[in-house]
Amino acid sequence: MTTLPSYNPFNAMPVWMAPNPTPQILTHIAAASSVLICTGQGWIADISVNTAAGFGSLTVYDGVDATGAVIAVIDASKNAPTVGFSPWRFNTGLFVVLSAKADITIVAHLMPV
């Protein structure tokens, strides 16, 4: 029978943190518009409403235009941090429609090829 090694919390191996190796796409939108951010597979790491609009929304699509599957509809009139944001995956592409004059930043990553 093999015995388990003894556990000593002071003999832990170091863990090295490295930057995400996938290409990052940083997109800044500051006016009402429709924007194709990228094509292909990836994930949204963060969406931030930096300056809220009086009204309006940001609609996020999995596709190359506004006919793709809706991933999210975000209220652009609220200047709130994205607390509890978990990465959202897209398969075809990332397309957004901002219906107001808000200031928004989107961080996305492409899947490695």
C-alpha atoms as a PDB file:
ATOM      1  CA  MET A   1       0.000   0.000   0.000  1.00  0.00           C
ATOM      2  CA  THR A   2       1.271   3.439  -0.922  1.00  0.00           C
ATOM      3  CA  THR A   3       1.147   6.148   1.711  1.00  0.00           C
ATOM      4  CA  LEU A   4       0.099   9.670   0.906  1.00  0.00           C
ATOM      5  CA  PRO A   5       2.720  12.387   1.211  1.00  0.00           C
ATOM      6  CA  SER A   6       2.538  14.453   4.352  1.00  0.00           C
ATOM      7  CA  TYR A   7       0.839  17.806   4.094  1.00  0.00           C
ATOM      8  CA  ASN A   8       2.721  20.900   5.158  1.00  0.00           C
ATOM      9  CA  PRO A   9       1.066  24.254   4.264  1.00  0.00           C
ATOM     10  CA  PHE A  10       4.446  25.997   4.326  1.00  0.00           C
ATOM     11  CA  ASN A  11       5.841  23.813   1.520  1.00  0.00           C
ATOM     12  CA  ALA A  12       3.478  24.921  -1.234  1.00  0.00           C
ATOM     13  CA  MET A  13       4.653  25.189  -4.836  1.00  0.00           C
ATOM     14  CA  PRO A  14       4.488  28.698  -6.354  1.00  0.00           C
ATOM     15  CA  VAL A  15       1.749  29.462  -8.873  1.00  0.00           C
ATOM     16  CA  TRP A  16       2.708  31.801 -11.702  1.00  0.00           C
ATOM     17  CA  MET A  17      -0.003  33.958 -13.223  1.00  0.00           C
ATOM     18  CA  ALA A  18       0.404  34.820 -16.895  1.00  0.00           C
ATOM     19  CA  PRO A  19      -1.564  37.153 -19.170  1.00  0.00           C
ATOM     20  CA  ASN A  20      -4.351  35.620 -21.213  1.00  0.00           C
ATOM     21  CA  PRO A  21      -2.660  34.299 -24.383  1.00  0.00           C
ATOM     22  CA  THR A  22      -5.676  34.943 -26.635  1.00  0.00           C
ATOM     23  CA  PRO A  23      -5.953  38.117 -28.723  1.00  0.00           C
ATOM     24  CA  GLN A  24      -7.839  40.855 -26.861  1.00  0.00           C
ATOM     25  CA  ILE A  25     -10.192  43.251 -28.634  1.00  0.00           C
ATOM     26  CA  LEU A  26     -10.834  46.526 -26.839  1.00  0.00           C
ATOM     27  CA  THR A  27     -13.721  48.532 -28.324  1.00  0.00           C
ATOM     28  CA  HIS A  28     -14.814  52.016 -27.283  1.00  0.00           C
ATOM     29  CA  ILE A  29     -18.184  53.347 -28.470  1.00  0.00           C
ATOM     30  CA  ALA A  30     -19.297  56.896 -27.658  1.00  0.00           C
ATOM     31  CA  ALA A  31     -22.281  57.487 -29.953  1.00  0.00           C
ATOM     32  CA  ALA A  32     -25.409  55.706 -31.135  1.00  0.00           C
ATOM     33  CA  SER A  33     -24.180  53.193 -33.711  1.00  0.00           C
ATOM     34  CA  SER A  34     -24.059  49.612 -34.950  1.00  0.00           C
ATOM     35  CA  VAL A  35     -20.603  48.019 -34.708  1.00  0.00           C
ATOM     36  CA  LEU A  36     -19.188  44.689 -35.882  1.00  0.00           C
ATOM     37  CA  ILE A  37     -16.489  44.073 -33.285  1.00  0.00           C
ATOM     38  CA  CYS A  38     -15.163  40.766 -34.637  1.00  0.00           C
ATOM     39  CA  THR A  39     -16.019  37.620 -36.549  1.00  0.00           C
ATOM     40  CA  GLY A  40     -15.447  34.072 -35.365  1.00  0.00           C
ATOM     41  CA  GLN A  41     -15.612  32.463 -31.929  1.00  0.00           C
ATOM     42  CA  GLY A  42     -14.663  34.102 -28.650  1.00  0.00           C
ATOM     43  CA  TRP A  43     -16.001  35.502 -25.438  1.00  0.00           C
ATOM     44  CA  ILE A  44     -16.908  38.856 -23.915  1.00  0.00           C
ATOM     45  CA  ALA A  45     -14.752  39.522 -20.861  1.00  0.00           C
ATOM     46  CA  ASP A  46     -16.322  42.837 -19.820  1.00  0.00           C
ATOM     47  CA  ILE A  47     -18.844  45.491 -20.836  1.00  0.00           C
ATOM     48  CA  SER A  48     -18.677  48.801 -19.002  1.00  0.00           C
ATOM     49  CA  VAL A  49     -21.057  51.766 -19.225  1.00  0.00           C
ATOM     50  CA  ASN A  50     -18.557  54.557 -18.547  1.00  0.00           C
ATOM     51  CA  THR A  51     -20.948  57.490 -19.054  1.00  0.00           C
ATOM     52  CA  ALA A  52     -24.653  56.742 -19.021  1.00  0.00           C
ATOM     53  CA  ALA A  53     -27.150  58.114 -21.513  1.00  0.00           C
ATOM     54  CA  GLY A  54     -30.495  59.653 -20.581  1.00  0.00           C
ATOM     55  CA  PHE A  55     -32.174  56.622 -22.136  1.00  0.00           C
ATOM     56  CA  GLY A  56     -31.371  53.784 -24.523  1.00  0.00           C
ATOM     57  CA  SER A  57     -29.761  50.378 -24.582  1.00  0.00           C
ATOM     58  CA  LEU A  58     -26.841  48.328 -25.827  1.00  0.00           C
ATOM     59  CA  THR A  59     -27.931  45.136 -27.581  1.00  0.00           C
ATOM     60  CA  VAL A  60     -25.220  42.482 -27.957  1.00  0.00           C
ATOM     61  CA  TYR A  61     -25.555  39.856 -30.716  1.00  0.00           C
ATOM     62  CA  ASP A  62     -23.828  36.570 -31.537  1.00  0.00           C
ATOM     63  CA  GLY A  63     -23.500  37.241 -35.254  1.00  0.00           C
ATOM     64  CA  VAL A  64     -22.144  39.609 -37.873  1.00  0.00           C
ATOM     65  CA  ASP A  65     -25.200  41.880 -37.881  1.00  0.00           C
ATOM     66  CA  ALA A  66     -28.374  42.619 -35.925  1.00  0.00           C
ATOM     67  CA  THR A  67     -30.028  39.410 -37.149  1.00  0.00           C
ATOM     68  CA  GLY A  68     -27.809  37.252 -34.899  1.00  0.00           C
ATOM     69  CA  ALA A  69     -28.880  35.662 -31.635  1.00  0.00           C
ATOM     70  CA  VAL A  70     -29.282  38.208 -28.827  1.00  0.00           C
ATOM     71  CA  ILE A  71     -26.754  37.642 -26.053  1.00  0.00           C
ATOM     72  CA  ALA A  72     -27.794  40.563 -23.856  1.00  0.00           C
ATOM     73  CA  VAL A  73     -29.663  43.863 -23.730  1.00  0.00           C
ATOM     74  CA  ILE A  74     -27.980  46.310 -21.355  1.00  0.00           C
ATOM     75  CA  ASP A  75     -29.627  49.491 -20.059  1.00  0.00           C
ATOM     76  CA  ALA A  76     -27.335  52.313 -21.213  1.00  0.00           C
ATOM     77  CA  SER A  77     -29.024  54.814 -18.877  1.00  0.00           C
ATOM     78  CA  LYS A  78     -27.428  53.222 -15.825  1.00  0.00           C
ATOM     79  CA  ASN A  79     -23.805  53.925 -15.015  1.00  0.00           C
ATOM     80  CA  ALA A  80     -23.222  50.743 -13.027  1.00  0.00           C
ATOM     81  CA  PRO A  81     -20.153  48.532 -12.804  1.00  0.00           C
ATOM     82  CA  THR A  82     -20.452  45.025 -14.163  1.00  0.00           C
ATOM     83  CA  VAL A  83     -20.379  43.277 -10.792  1.00  0.00           C
ATOM     84  CA  GLY A  84     -20.766  39.532 -11.121  1.00  0.00           C
ATOM     85  CA  PHE A  85     -20.087  39.601 -14.849  1.00  0.00           C
ATOM     86  CA  SER A  86     -19.209  36.181 -16.179  1.00  0.00           C
ATOM     87  CA  PRO A  87     -17.709  35.710 -19.641  1.00  0.00           C
ATOM     88  CA  TRP A  88     -20.312  35.405 -22.380  1.00  0.00           C
ATOM     89  CA  ARG A  89     -19.414  33.172 -25.301  1.00  0.00           C
ATOM     90  CA  PHE A  90     -20.144  33.984 -28.961  1.00  0.00           C
ATOM     91  CA  ASN A  91     -19.746  31.599 -31.901  1.00  0.00           C
ATOM     92  CA  THR A  92     -20.340  33.513 -35.141  1.00  0.00           C
ATOM     93  CA  GLY A  93     -19.138  36.997 -34.293  1.00  0.00           C
ATOM     94  CA  LEU A  94     -19.727  39.909 -31.961  1.00  0.00           C
ATOM     95  CA  PHE A  95     -22.047  42.683 -33.127  1.00  0.00           C
ATOM     96  CA  VAL A  96     -23.488  45.465 -30.954  1.00  0.00           C
ATOM     97  CA  VAL A  97     -26.129  48.143 -31.424  1.00  0.00           C
ATOM     98  CA  LEU A  98     -26.020  51.184 -29.150  1.00  0.00           C
ATOM     99  CA  SER A  99     -29.297  53.137 -29.331  1.00  0.00           C
ATOM    100  CA  ALA A 100     -28.141  56.146 -27.315  1.00  0.00           C
ATOM    101  CA  LYS A 101     -25.249  58.563 -26.892  1.00  0.00           C
ATOM    102  CA  ALA A 102     -23.529  56.685 -24.085  1.00  0.00           C
ATOM    103  CA  ASP A 103     -19.852  55.948 -23.536  1.00  0.00           C
ATOM    104  CA  ILE A 104     -19.242  52.194 -23.485  1.00  0.00           C
ATOM    105  CA  THR A 105     -16.155  49.966 -23.413  1.00  0.00           C
ATOM    106  CA  ILE A 106     -16.265  46.312 -24.473  1.00  0.00           C
ATOM    107  CA  VAL A 107     -13.434  43.831 -23.865  1.00  0.00           C
ATOM    108  CA  ALA A 108     -13.589  40.616 -25.886  1.00  0.00           C
ATOM    109  CA  HIS A 109     -11.217  37.746 -26.657  1.00  0.00           C
ATOM    110  CA  LEU A 110     -10.974  35.586 -29.763  1.00  0.00           C
ATOM    111  CA  MET A 111     -10.613  31.840 -29.468  1.00  0.00           C
ATOM    112  CA  PRO A 112      -7.161  30.624 -30.537  1.00  0.00           C
ATOM    113  CA  VAL A 113      -7.117  29.182 -34.030  1.00  0.00           C
END
